[in-house]
PDB file of N, CA and C in Angstrom:
ATOM      1  N   MET A   1      64.667 -88.049 -46.618  1.00  0.00           N
ATOM      2  CA  MET A   1      64.583 -86.657 -46.979  1.00  0.00           C
ATOM      3  C   MET A   1      64.028 -85.873 -45.787  1.00  0.00           C
ATOM      4  N   GLY A   2      64.600 -84.703 -45.518  1.00  0.00           N
ATOM      5  CA  GLY A   2      64.187 -83.892 -44.383  1.00  0.00           C
ATOM      6  C   GLY A   2      62.882 -83.135 -44.639  1.00  0.00           C
ATOM      7  N   LYS A   3      62.366 -82.594 -43.583  1.00  0.00           N
ATOM      8  CA  LYS A   3      61.111 -81.836 -43.646  1.00  0.00           C
ATOM      9  C   LYS A   3      61.360 -80.465 -44.278  1.00  0.00           C
ATOM     10  N   LEU A   4      60.451 -80.029 -45.162  1.00  0.00           N
ATOM     11  CA  LEU A   4      60.586 -78.710 -45.785  1.00  0.00           C
ATOM     12  C   LEU A   4      60.254 -77.619 -44.778  1.00  0.00           C
ATOM     13  N   ARG A   5      61.067 -76.564 -44.785  1.00  0.00           N
ATOM     14  CA  ARG A   5      60.821 -75.435 -43.899  1.00  0.00           C
ATOM     15  C   ARG A   5      60.007 -74.387 -44.628  1.00  0.00           C
ATOM     16  N   MET A   6      59.110 -73.772 -43.927  1.00  0.00           N
ATOM     17  CA  MET A   6      58.288 -72.704 -44.500  1.00  0.00           C
ATOM     18  C   MET A   6      59.090 -71.409 -44.463  1.00  0.00           C
ATOM     19  N   LEU A   7      59.160 -70.720 -45.574  1.00  0.00           N
ATOM     20  CA  LEU A   7      59.864 -69.447 -45.623  1.00  0.00           C
ATOM     21  C   LEU A   7      58.999 -68.353 -45.008  1.00  0.00           C
ATOM     22  N   LYS A   8      59.633 -67.423 -44.327  1.00  0.00           N
ATOM     23  CA  LYS A   8      58.897 -66.299 -43.762  1.00  0.00           C
ATOM     24  C   LYS A   8      58.512 -65.352 -44.890  1.00  0.00           C
ATOM     25  N   PRO A   9      57.281 -64.820 -44.857  1.00  0.00           N
ATOM     26  CA  PRO A   9      56.867 -63.908 -45.929  1.00  0.00           C
ATOM     27  C   PRO A   9      57.667 -62.610 -45.885  1.00  0.00           C
ATOM     28  N   LYS A  10      57.990 -62.094 -47.068  1.00  0.00           N
ATOM     29  CA  LYS A  10      58.746 -60.844 -47.151  1.00  0.00           C
ATOM     30  C   LYS A  10      57.824 -59.637 -47.307  1.00  0.00           C
ATOM     31  N   THR A  11      56.560 -59.888 -47.547  1.00  0.00           N
ATOM     32  CA  THR A  11      55.604 -58.792 -47.678  1.00  0.00           C
ATOM     33  C   THR A  11      54.744 -58.724 -46.428  1.00  0.00           C
ATOM     34  N   LYS A  12      54.193 -57.555 -46.185  1.00  0.00           N
ATOM     35  CA  LYS A  12      53.324 -57.365 -45.023  1.00  0.00           C
ATOM     36  C   LYS A  12      51.957 -57.969 -45.297  1.00  0.00           C
ATOM     37  N   THR A  13      51.271 -58.325 -44.243  1.00  0.00           N
ATOM     38  CA  THR A  13      49.906 -58.830 -44.394  1.00  0.00           C
ATOM     39  C   THR A  13      48.995 -57.665 -44.752  1.00  0.00           C
ATOM     40  N   LEU A  14      47.805 -57.979 -45.216  1.00  0.00           N
ATOM     41  CA  LEU A  14      46.851 -56.937 -45.598  1.00  0.00           C
ATOM     42  C   LEU A  14      46.567 -56.006 -44.424  1.00  0.00           C
ATOM     43  N   LYS A  15      46.420 -56.569 -43.232  1.00  0.00           N
ATOM     44  CA  LYS A  15      46.134 -55.752 -42.051  1.00  0.00           C
ATOM     45  C   LYS A  15      47.282 -54.783 -41.773  1.00  0.00           C
ATOM     46  N   GLU A  16      48.521 -55.230 -41.957  1.00  0.00           N
ATOM     47  CA  GLU A  16      49.676 -54.368 -41.717  1.00  0.00           C
ATOM     48  C   GLU A  16      49.796 -53.268 -42.769  1.00  0.00           C
ATOM     49  N   ARG A  17      49.324 -53.539 -44.001  1.00  0.00           N
ATOM     50  CA  ARG A  17      49.424 -52.565 -45.082  1.00  0.00           C
ATOM     51  C   ARG A  17      48.290 -51.563 -45.067  1.00  0.00           C
ATOM     52  N   THR A  18      47.168 -51.898 -44.482  1.00  0.00           N
ATOM     53  CA  THR A  18      45.996 -51.037 -44.487  1.00  0.00           C
ATOM     54  C   THR A  18      46.097 -50.016 -43.367  1.00  0.00           C
ATOM     55  N   ALA A  19      46.019 -48.737 -43.734  1.00  0.00           N
ATOM     56  CA  ALA A  19      46.060 -47.669 -42.731  1.00  0.00           C
ATOM     57  C   ALA A  19      44.775 -47.698 -41.911  1.00  0.00           C
ATOM     58  N   THR A  20      44.915 -47.421 -40.649  1.00  0.00           N
ATOM     59  CA  THR A  20      43.727 -47.378 -39.803  1.00  0.00           C
ATOM     60  C   THR A  20      43.033 -46.035 -39.972  1.00  0.00           C
ATOM     61  N   VAL A  21      41.786 -45.994 -39.644  1.00  0.00           N
ATOM     62  CA  VAL A  21      40.998 -44.769 -39.747  1.00  0.00           C
ATOM     63  C   VAL A  21      40.976 -44.103 -38.386  1.00  0.00           C
ATOM     64  N   ALA A  22      41.271 -42.818 -38.382  1.00  0.00           N
ATOM     65  CA  ALA A  22      41.278 -42.069 -37.130  1.00  0.00           C
ATOM     66  C   ALA A  22      39.863 -42.030 -36.540  1.00  0.00           C
ATOM     67  N   PRO A  23      39.739 -42.161 -35.222  1.00  0.00           N
ATOM     68  CA  PRO A  23      38.417 -42.082 -34.598  1.00  0.00           C
ATOM     69  C   PRO A  23      37.755 -40.745 -34.905  1.00  0.00           C
ATOM     70  N   GLY A  24      36.466 -40.784 -35.186  1.00  0.00           N
ATOM     71  CA  GLY A  24      35.729 -39.561 -35.495  1.00  0.00           C
ATOM     72  C   GLY A  24      35.967 -39.066 -36.909  1.00  0.00           C
ATOM     73  N   SER A  25      36.656 -39.845 -37.732  1.00  0.00           N
ATOM     74  CA  SER A  25      36.958 -39.443 -39.092  1.00  0.00           C
ATOM     75  C   SER A  25      35.700 -39.471 -39.942  1.00  0.00           C
ATOM     76  N   TRP A  26      35.688 -38.631 -40.974  1.00  0.00           N
ATOM     77  CA  TRP A  26      34.564 -38.637 -41.908  1.00  0.00           C
ATOM     78  C   TRP A  26      34.468 -39.983 -42.612  1.00  0.00           C
ATOM     79  N   ARG A  27      35.551 -40.738 -42.647  1.00  0.00           N
ATOM     80  CA  ARG A  27      35.542 -42.030 -43.336  1.00  0.00           C
ATOM     81  C   ARG A  27      34.625 -43.039 -42.651  1.00  0.00           C
ATOM     82  N   THR A  28      34.295 -42.802 -41.388  1.00  0.00           N
ATOM     83  CA  THR A  28      33.401 -43.702 -40.671  1.00  0.00           C
ATOM     84  C   THR A  28      31.961 -43.195 -40.686  1.00  0.00           C
ATOM     85  N   SER A  29      31.732 -42.053 -41.321  1.00  0.00           N
ATOM     86  CA  SER A  29      30.413 -41.438 -41.342  1.00  0.00           C
ATOM     87  C   SER A  29      29.619 -41.903 -42.559  1.00  0.00           C
ATOM     88  N   SER A  30      28.302 -41.969 -42.398  1.00  0.00           N
ATOM     89  CA  SER A  30      27.439 -42.333 -43.520  1.00  0.00           C
ATOM     90  C   SER A  30      26.894 -41.084 -44.213  1.00  0.00           C
ATOM     91  N   GLN A  31      27.317 -39.896 -43.762  1.00  0.00           N
ATOM     92  CA  GLN A  31      26.836 -38.652 -44.354  1.00  0.00           C
ATOM     93  C   GLN A  31      27.533 -38.373 -45.685  1.00  0.00           C
ATOM     94  N   THR A  32      26.835 -37.673 -46.571  1.00  0.00           N
ATOM     95  CA  THR A  32      27.436 -37.238 -47.829  1.00  0.00           C
ATOM     96  C   THR A  32      28.346 -36.043 -47.557  1.00  0.00           C
ATOM     97  N   SER A  33      29.152 -35.679 -48.549  1.00  0.00           N
ATOM     98  CA  SER A  33      30.032 -34.527 -48.368  1.00  0.00           C
ATOM     99  C   SER A  33      29.227 -33.247 -48.137  1.00  0.00           C
ATOM    100  N   SER A  34      28.111 -33.097 -48.819  1.00  0.00           N
ATOM    101  CA  SER A  34      27.266 -31.909 -48.611  1.00  0.00           C
ATOM    102  C   SER A  34      26.712 -31.875 -47.197  1.00  0.00           C
ATOM    103  N   GLN A  35      26.316 -33.028 -46.678  1.00  0.00           N
ATOM    104  CA  GLN A  35      25.795 -33.097 -45.313  1.00  0.00           C
ATOM    105  C   GLN A  35      26.883 -32.783 -44.286  1.00  0.00           C
ATOM    106  N   ARG A  36      28.150 -33.042 -44.649  1.00  0.00           N
ATOM    107  CA  ARG A  36      29.267 -32.747 -43.752  1.00  0.00           C
ATOM    108  C   ARG A  36      29.735 -31.299 -43.873  1.00  0.00           C
ATOM    109  N   GLY A  37      29.062 -30.487 -44.733  1.00  0.00           N
ATOM    110  CA  GLY A  37      29.395 -29.073 -44.851  1.00  0.00           C
ATOM    111  C   GLY A  37      30.131 -28.699 -46.121  1.00  0.00           C
ATOM    112  N   TYR A  38      30.448 -29.649 -46.962  1.00  0.00           N
ATOM    113  CA  TYR A  38      31.220 -29.374 -48.168  1.00  0.00           C
ATOM    114  C   TYR A  38      30.316 -29.182 -49.389  1.00  0.00           C
ATOM    115  N   GLY A  39      29.332 -28.324 -49.270  1.00  0.00           N
ATOM    116  CA  GLY A  39      28.390 -28.045 -50.353  1.00  0.00           C
ATOM    117  C   GLY A  39      28.842 -26.872 -51.207  1.00  0.00           C
ATOM    118  N   TYR A  40      27.877 -26.205 -51.815  1.00  0.00           N
ATOM    119  CA  TYR A  40      28.147 -25.111 -52.747  1.00  0.00           C
ATOM    120  C   TYR A  40      28.934 -23.973 -52.089  1.00  0.00           C
ATOM    121  N   LYS A  41      28.528 -23.581 -50.891  1.00  0.00           N
ATOM    122  CA  LYS A  41      29.206 -22.475 -50.200  1.00  0.00           C
ATOM    123  C   LYS A  41      30.684 -22.810 -49.976  1.00  0.00           C
ATOM    124  N   TRP A  42      30.965 -24.055 -49.581  1.00  0.00           N
ATOM    125  CA  TRP A  42      32.355 -24.484 -49.376  1.00  0.00           C
ATOM    126  C   TRP A  42      33.115 -24.473 -50.706  1.00  0.00           C
ATOM    127  N   GLN A  43      32.506 -24.984 -51.759  1.00  0.00           N
ATOM    128  CA  GLN A  43      33.181 -25.047 -53.053  1.00  0.00           C
ATOM    129  C   GLN A  43      33.578 -23.645 -53.530  1.00  0.00           C
ATOM    130  N   GLN A  44      32.716 -22.674 -53.306  1.00  0.00           N
ATOM    131  CA  GLN A  44      33.037 -21.303 -53.698  1.00  0.00           C
ATOM    132  C   GLN A  44      34.181 -20.741 -52.848  1.00  0.00           C
ATOM    133  N   ALA A  45      34.130 -20.940 -51.548  1.00  0.00           N
ATOM    134  CA  ALA A  45      35.188 -20.469 -50.650  1.00  0.00           C
ATOM    135  C   ALA A  45      36.514 -21.166 -50.969  1.00  0.00           C
ATOM    136  N   ARG A  46      36.437 -22.446 -51.292  1.00  0.00           N
ATOM    137  CA  ARG A  46      37.617 -23.236 -51.645  1.00  0.00           C
ATOM    138  C   ARG A  46      38.305 -22.658 -52.885  1.00  0.00           C
ATOM    139  N   LEU A  47      37.511 -22.319 -53.906  1.00  0.00           N
ATOM    140  CA  LEU A  47      38.084 -21.749 -55.131  1.00  0.00           C
ATOM    141  C   LEU A  47      38.796 -20.428 -54.859  1.00  0.00           C
ATOM    142  N   VAL A  48      38.184 -19.581 -54.043  1.00  0.00           N
ATOM    143  CA  VAL A  48      38.804 -18.297 -53.694  1.00  0.00           C
ATOM    144  C   VAL A  48      40.121 -18.538 -52.963  1.00  0.00           C
ATOM    145  N   HIS A  49      40.120 -19.460 -52.011  1.00  0.00           N
ATOM    146  CA  HIS A  49      41.336 -19.758 -51.252  1.00  0.00           C
ATOM    147  C   HIS A  49      42.440 -20.264 -52.176  1.00  0.00           C
ATOM    148  N   LEU A  50      42.101 -21.170 -53.082  1.00  0.00           N
ATOM    149  CA  LEU A  50      43.119 -21.721 -53.995  1.00  0.00           C
ATOM    150  C   LEU A  50      43.634 -20.665 -54.971  1.00  0.00           C
ATOM    151  N   GLN A  51      42.809 -19.690 -55.332  1.00  0.00           N
ATOM    152  CA  GLN A  51      43.282 -18.596 -56.183  1.00  0.00           C
ATOM    153  C   GLN A  51      44.271 -17.721 -55.428  1.00  0.00           C
ATOM    154  N   GLN A  52      44.014 -17.507 -54.144  1.00  0.00           N
ATOM    155  CA  GLN A  52      44.887 -16.670 -53.323  1.00  0.00           C
ATOM    156  C   GLN A  52      46.144 -17.415 -52.868  1.00  0.00           C
ATOM    157  N   HIS A  53      46.047 -18.744 -52.723  1.00  0.00           N
ATOM    158  CA  HIS A  53      47.155 -19.581 -52.247  1.00  0.00           C
ATOM    159  C   HIS A  53      47.279 -20.794 -53.178  1.00  0.00           C
ATOM    160  N   PRO A  54      47.867 -20.601 -54.365  1.00  0.00           N
ATOM    161  CA  PRO A  54      47.829 -21.645 -55.394  1.00  0.00           C
ATOM    162  C   PRO A  54      48.839 -22.786 -55.246  1.00  0.00           C
ATOM    163  N   LEU A  55      49.791 -22.681 -54.321  1.00  0.00           N
ATOM    164  CA  LEU A  55      50.828 -23.707 -54.217  1.00  0.00           C
ATOM    165  C   LEU A  55      50.691 -24.553 -52.950  1.00  0.00           C
ATOM    166  N   CYS A  56      51.069 -25.818 -53.068  1.00  0.00           N
ATOM    167  CA  CYS A  56      51.048 -26.745 -51.930  1.00  0.00           C
ATOM    168  C   CYS A  56      52.125 -26.329 -50.931  1.00  0.00           C
ATOM    169  N   ILE A  57      51.724 -26.117 -49.682  1.00  0.00           N
ATOM    170  CA  ILE A  57      52.694 -25.658 -48.686  1.00  0.00           C
ATOM    171  C   ILE A  57      53.663 -26.770 -48.280  1.00  0.00           C
ATOM    172  N   TYR A  58      53.246 -28.025 -48.304  1.00  0.00           N
ATOM    173  CA  TYR A  58      54.146 -29.127 -47.971  1.00  0.00           C
ATOM    174  C   TYR A  58      55.228 -29.267 -49.038  1.00  0.00           C
ATOM    175  N   CYS A  59      54.841 -29.158 -50.299  1.00  0.00           N
ATOM    176  CA  CYS A  59      55.823 -29.232 -51.389  1.00  0.00           C
ATOM    177  C   CYS A  59      56.789 -28.050 -51.323  1.00  0.00           C
ATOM    178  N   GLU A  60      56.263 -26.862 -51.008  1.00  0.00           N
ATOM    179  CA  GLU A  60      57.123 -25.675 -50.886  1.00  0.00           C
ATOM    180  C   GLU A  60      58.184 -25.895 -49.812  1.00  0.00           C
ATOM    181  N   ARG A  61      57.788 -26.485 -48.686  1.00  0.00           N
ATOM    182  CA  ARG A  61      58.748 -26.765 -47.604  1.00  0.00           C
ATOM    183  C   ARG A  61      59.855 -27.710 -48.064  1.00  0.00           C
ATOM    184  N   ALA A  62      59.505 -28.596 -49.012  1.00  0.00           N
ATOM    185  CA  ALA A  62      60.470 -29.572 -49.523  1.00  0.00           C
ATOM    186  C   ALA A  62      61.227 -29.030 -50.741  1.00  0.00           C
ATOM    187  N   GLY A  63      60.996 -27.760 -51.100  1.00  0.00           N
ATOM    188  CA  GLY A  63      61.709 -27.160 -52.217  1.00  0.00           C
ATOM    189  C   GLY A  63      61.104 -27.463 -53.579  1.00  0.00           C
ATOM    190  N   ARG A  64      59.856 -27.924 -53.605  1.00  0.00           N
ATOM    191  CA  ARG A  64      59.178 -28.216 -54.873  1.00  0.00           C
ATOM    192  C   ARG A  64      58.082 -27.180 -55.111  1.00  0.00           C
ATOM    193  N   VAL A  65      57.743 -26.989 -56.371  1.00  0.00           N
ATOM    194  CA  VAL A  65      56.645 -26.097 -56.738  1.00  0.00           C
ATOM    195  C   VAL A  65      55.548 -26.976 -57.323  1.00  0.00           C
ATOM    196  N   THR A  66      54.430 -27.075 -56.593  1.00  0.00           N
ATOM    197  CA  THR A  66      53.316 -27.927 -57.011  1.00  0.00           C
ATOM    198  C   THR A  66      52.009 -27.180 -56.825  1.00  0.00           C
ATOM    199  N   GLU A  67      51.150 -27.291 -57.821  1.00  0.00           N
ATOM    200  CA  GLU A  67      49.834 -26.655 -57.742  1.00  0.00           C
ATOM    201  C   GLU A  67      49.000 -27.328 -56.650  1.00  0.00           C
ATOM    202  N   ALA A  68      48.372 -26.530 -55.817  1.00  0.00           N
ATOM    203  CA  ALA A  68      47.478 -27.049 -54.785  1.00  0.00           C
ATOM    204  C   ALA A  68      46.100 -27.282 -55.382  1.00  0.00           C
ATOM    205  N   THR A  69      45.475 -28.371 -54.981  1.00  0.00           N
ATOM    206  CA  THR A  69      44.122 -28.686 -55.459  1.00  0.00           C
ATOM    207  C   THR A  69      43.157 -28.941 -54.309  1.00  0.00           C
ATOM    208  N   VAL A  70      43.683 -28.965 -53.084  1.00  0.00           N
ATOM    209  CA  VAL A  70      42.871 -29.286 -51.905  1.00  0.00           C
ATOM    210  C   VAL A  70      43.031 -28.182 -50.873  1.00  0.00           C
ATOM    211  N   VAL A  71      41.921 -27.758 -50.290  1.00  0.00           N
ATOM    212  CA  VAL A  71      41.976 -26.853 -49.133  1.00  0.00           C
ATOM    213  C   VAL A  71      41.747 -27.735 -47.910  1.00  0.00           C
ATOM    214  N   ASP A  72      42.763 -27.792 -47.081  1.00  0.00           N
ATOM    215  CA  ASP A  72      42.757 -28.678 -45.921  1.00  0.00           C
ATOM    216  C   ASP A  72      42.598 -27.866 -44.645  1.00  0.00           C
ATOM    217  N   HIS A  73      41.968 -28.466 -43.645  1.00  0.00           N
ATOM    218  CA  HIS A  73      41.871 -27.839 -42.325  1.00  0.00           C
ATOM    219  C   HIS A  73      43.103 -28.251 -41.527  1.00  0.00           C
ATOM    220  N   VAL A  74      43.892 -27.282 -41.093  1.00  0.00           N
ATOM    221  CA  VAL A  74      45.110 -27.547 -40.329  1.00  0.00           C
ATOM    222  C   VAL A  74      44.753 -28.368 -39.100  1.00  0.00           C
ATOM    223  N   VAL A  75      43.795 -27.879 -38.329  1.00  0.00           N
ATOM    224  CA  VAL A  75      43.267 -28.604 -37.180  1.00  0.00           C
ATOM    225  C   VAL A  75      41.943 -29.211 -37.636  1.00  0.00           C
ATOM    226  N   PRO A  76      41.802 -30.531 -37.614  1.00  0.00           N
ATOM    227  CA  PRO A  76      40.540 -31.137 -38.057  1.00  0.00           C
ATOM    228  C   PRO A  76      39.352 -30.544 -37.305  1.00  0.00           C
ATOM    229  N   HIS A  77      38.322 -30.164 -38.039  1.00  0.00           N
ATOM    230  CA  HIS A  77      37.192 -29.467 -37.417  1.00  0.00           C
ATOM    231  C   HIS A  77      36.234 -30.411 -36.699  1.00  0.00           C
ATOM    232  N   ARG A  78      36.175 -31.664 -37.104  1.00  0.00           N
ATOM    233  CA  ARG A  78      35.320 -32.686 -36.482  1.00  0.00           C
ATOM    234  C   ARG A  78      33.882 -32.197 -36.259  1.00  0.00           C
ATOM    235  N   GLY A  79      33.358 -31.450 -37.252  1.00  0.00           N
ATOM    236  CA  GLY A  79      31.977 -30.994 -37.189  1.00  0.00           C
ATOM    237  C   GLY A  79      31.782 -29.629 -36.554  1.00  0.00           C
ATOM    238  N   ASP A  80      32.836 -29.030 -36.000  1.00  0.00           N
ATOM    239  CA  ASP A  80      32.745 -27.710 -35.380  1.00  0.00           C
ATOM    240  C   ASP A  80      32.671 -26.660 -36.497  1.00  0.00           C
ATOM    241  N   GLU A  81      31.501 -26.044 -36.680  1.00  0.00           N
ATOM    242  CA  GLU A  81      31.313 -25.100 -37.789  1.00  0.00           C
ATOM    243  C   GLU A  81      32.215 -23.881 -37.691  1.00  0.00           C
ATOM    244  N   ALA A  82      32.454 -23.386 -36.486  1.00  0.00           N
ATOM    245  CA  ALA A  82      33.319 -22.216 -36.329  1.00  0.00           C
ATOM    246  C   ALA A  82      34.729 -22.543 -36.816  1.00  0.00           C
ATOM    247  N   LEU A  83      35.237 -23.711 -36.452  1.00  0.00           N
ATOM    248  CA  LEU A  83      36.564 -24.135 -36.884  1.00  0.00           C
ATOM    249  C   LEU A  83      36.568 -24.462 -38.383  1.00  0.00           C
ATOM    250  N   PHE A  84      35.471 -25.014 -38.868  1.00  0.00           N
ATOM    251  CA  PHE A  84      35.336 -25.341 -40.283  1.00  0.00           C
ATOM    252  C   PHE A  84      35.497 -24.098 -41.150  1.00  0.00           C
ATOM    253  N   TRP A  85      34.851 -22.989 -40.770  1.00  0.00           N
ATOM    254  CA  TRP A  85      34.879 -21.768 -41.573  1.00  0.00           C
ATOM    255  C   TRP A  85      35.987 -20.800 -41.197  1.00  0.00           C
ATOM    256  N   ASP A  86      36.802 -21.129 -40.211  1.00  0.00           N
ATOM    257  CA  ASP A  86      37.919 -20.276 -39.800  1.00  0.00           C
ATOM    258  C   ASP A  86      39.019 -20.351 -40.861  1.00  0.00           C
ATOM    259  N   ARG A  87      39.125 -19.295 -41.668  1.00  0.00           N
ATOM    260  CA  ARG A  87      40.071 -19.296 -42.794  1.00  0.00           C
ATOM    261  C   ARG A  87      41.522 -19.375 -42.340  1.00  0.00           C
ATOM    262  N   SER A  88      41.810 -18.987 -41.121  1.00  0.00           N
ATOM    263  CA  SER A  88      43.188 -19.120 -40.625  1.00  0.00           C
ATOM    264  C   SER A  88      43.519 -20.591 -40.340  1.00  0.00           C
ATOM    265  N   ASN A  89      42.524 -21.454 -40.383  1.00  0.00           N
ATOM    266  CA  ASN A  89      42.716 -22.893 -40.169  1.00  0.00           C
ATOM    267  C   ASN A  89      42.797 -23.648 -41.505  1.00  0.00           C
ATOM    268  N   TRP A  90      42.855 -22.920 -42.621  1.00  0.00           N
ATOM    269  CA  TRP A  90      42.910 -23.537 -43.943  1.00  0.00           C
ATOM    270  C   TRP A  90      44.334 -23.494 -44.483  1.00  0.00           C
ATOM    271  N   GLN A  91      44.699 -24.538 -45.219  1.00  0.00           N
ATOM    272  CA  GLN A  91      45.980 -24.560 -45.914  1.00  0.00           C
ATOM    273  C   GLN A  91      45.796 -25.224 -47.271  1.00  0.00           C
ATOM    274  N   SER A  92      46.582 -24.798 -48.240  1.00  0.00           N
ATOM    275  CA  SER A  92      46.517 -25.356 -49.587  1.00  0.00           C
ATOM    276  C   SER A  92      47.500 -26.511 -49.710  1.00  0.00           C
ATOM    277  N   LEU A  93      46.989 -27.644 -50.214  1.00  0.00           N
ATOM    278  CA  LEU A  93      47.824 -28.824 -50.411  1.00  0.00           C
ATOM    279  C   LEU A  93      47.542 -29.437 -51.773  1.00  0.00           C
ATOM    280  N   CYS A  94      48.528 -30.158 -52.305  1.00  0.00           N
ATOM    281  CA  CYS A  94      48.263 -30.963 -53.496  1.00  0.00           C
ATOM    282  C   CYS A  94      47.620 -32.264 -53.011  1.00  0.00           C
ATOM    283  N   LYS A  95      46.950 -32.954 -53.889  1.00  0.00           N
ATOM    284  CA  LYS A  95      46.236 -34.181 -53.505  1.00  0.00           C
ATOM    285  C   LYS A  95      47.173 -35.230 -52.913  1.00  0.00           C
ATOM    286  N   PRO A  96      48.343 -35.503 -53.518  1.00  0.00           N
ATOM    287  CA  PRO A  96      49.238 -36.504 -52.919  1.00  0.00           C
ATOM    288  C   PRO A  96      49.669 -36.166 -51.482  1.00  0.00           C
ATOM    289  N   CYS A  97      49.986 -34.900 -51.227  1.00  0.00           N
ATOM    290  CA  CYS A  97      50.375 -34.512 -49.858  1.00  0.00           C
ATOM    291  C   CYS A  97      49.191 -34.630 -48.899  1.00  0.00           C
ATOM    292  N   HIS A  98      48.015 -34.236 -49.353  1.00  0.00           N
ATOM    293  CA  HIS A  98      46.826 -34.334 -48.506  1.00  0.00           C
ATOM    294  C   HIS A  98      46.518 -35.784 -48.158  1.00  0.00           C
ATOM    295  N   ASP A  99      46.604 -36.664 -49.159  1.00  0.00           N
ATOM    296  CA  ASP A  99      46.211 -38.051 -48.961  1.00  0.00           C
ATOM    297  C   ASP A  99      47.279 -38.903 -48.287  1.00  0.00           C
ATOM    298  N   SER A 100      48.528 -38.449 -48.279  1.00  0.00           N
ATOM    299  CA  SER A 100      49.576 -39.263 -47.646  1.00  0.00           C
ATOM    300  C   SER A 100      50.189 -38.569 -46.439  1.00  0.00           C
ATOM    301  N   THR A 101      50.920 -37.500 -46.677  1.00  0.00           N
ATOM    302  CA  THR A 101      51.644 -36.836 -45.590  1.00  0.00           C
ATOM    303  C   THR A 101      50.707 -36.332 -44.500  1.00  0.00           C
ATOM    304  N   LYS A 102      49.678 -35.596 -44.891  1.00  0.00           N
ATOM    305  CA  LYS A 102      48.749 -35.032 -43.895  1.00  0.00           C
ATOM    306  C   LYS A 102      48.003 -36.135 -43.153  1.00  0.00           C
ATOM    307  N   ARG A 103      47.571 -37.166 -43.873  1.00  0.00           N
ATOM    308  CA  ARG A 103      46.852 -38.277 -43.241  1.00  0.00           C
ATOM    309  C   ARG A 103      47.748 -38.991 -42.231  1.00  0.00           C
ATOM    310  N   ARG A 104      49.010 -39.205 -42.610  1.00  0.00           N
ATOM    311  CA  ARG A 104      49.968 -39.846 -41.706  1.00  0.00           C
ATOM    312  C   ARG A 104      50.141 -39.004 -40.442  1.00  0.00           C
ATOM    313  N   GLU A 105      50.252 -37.680 -40.587  1.00  0.00           N
ATOM    314  CA  GLU A 105      50.383 -36.783 -39.436  1.00  0.00           C
ATOM    315  C   GLU A 105      49.157 -36.917 -38.509  1.00  0.00           C
ATOM    316  N   GLU A 106      47.977 -36.946 -39.097  1.00  0.00           N
ATOM    317  CA  GLU A 106      46.751 -37.045 -38.284  1.00  0.00           C
ATOM    318  C   GLU A 106      46.673 -38.380 -37.560  1.00  0.00           C
ATOM    319  N   LEU A 107      47.083 -39.465 -38.235  1.00  0.00           N
ATOM    320  CA  LEU A 107      47.065 -40.769 -37.585  1.00  0.00           C
ATOM    321  C   LEU A 107      48.070 -40.836 -36.437  1.00  0.00           C
ATOM    322  N   LEU A 108      49.243 -40.214 -36.631  1.00  0.00           N
ATOM    323  CA  LEU A 108      50.240 -40.186 -35.560  1.00  0.00           C
ATOM    324  C   LEU A 108      49.739 -39.361 -34.383  1.00  0.00           C
ATOM    325  N   ALA A 109      49.039 -38.268 -34.646  1.00  0.00           N
ATOM    326  CA  ALA A 109      48.513 -37.407 -33.582  1.00  0.00           C
ATOM    327  C   ALA A 109      47.481 -38.154 -32.746  1.00  0.00           C
ATOM    328  N   VAL A 110      46.723 -39.052 -33.373  1.00  0.00           N
ATOM    329  CA  VAL A 110      45.726 -39.839 -32.658  1.00  0.00           C
ATOM    330  C   VAL A 110      46.397 -40.844 -31.739  1.00  0.00           C
ATOM    331  N   ASP A 111      47.534 -41.397 -32.199  1.00  0.00           N
ATOM    332  CA  ASP A 111      48.246 -42.420 -31.420  1.00  0.00           C
ATOM    333  C   ASP A 111      48.941 -41.838 -30.192  1.00  0.00           C
ATOM    334  N   LEU A 112      49.196 -40.528 -30.183  1.00  0.00           N
ATOM    335  CA  LEU A 112      49.940 -39.918 -29.060  1.00  0.00           C
ATOM    336  C   LEU A 112      49.151 -39.884 -27.795  1.00  0.00           C
TER     337      LEU A 112
END
């Protein structure tokens, strides 16, 4: 009888499936969200922005109408308070677009 051959796996390894964290990301910080600037003042400003811009801009580009639940910084502020509070740097996104599409864009920008 011949030797059994090992089949190549059809699924990716855990390392290949796990997205990397962008350098300088809040995900590597031990600070709380309030310590990173997302306290009461931010929550109030966020609500006003979402009232004025209630739809996800990524979904709108794709021809879908989806309620936005996240106020995202177009250019990551990385702790820069002026950029953090610059309302022209804010965009409304739904949670799925923020957590997938936007994150993928930021990771690609880091790789460039």
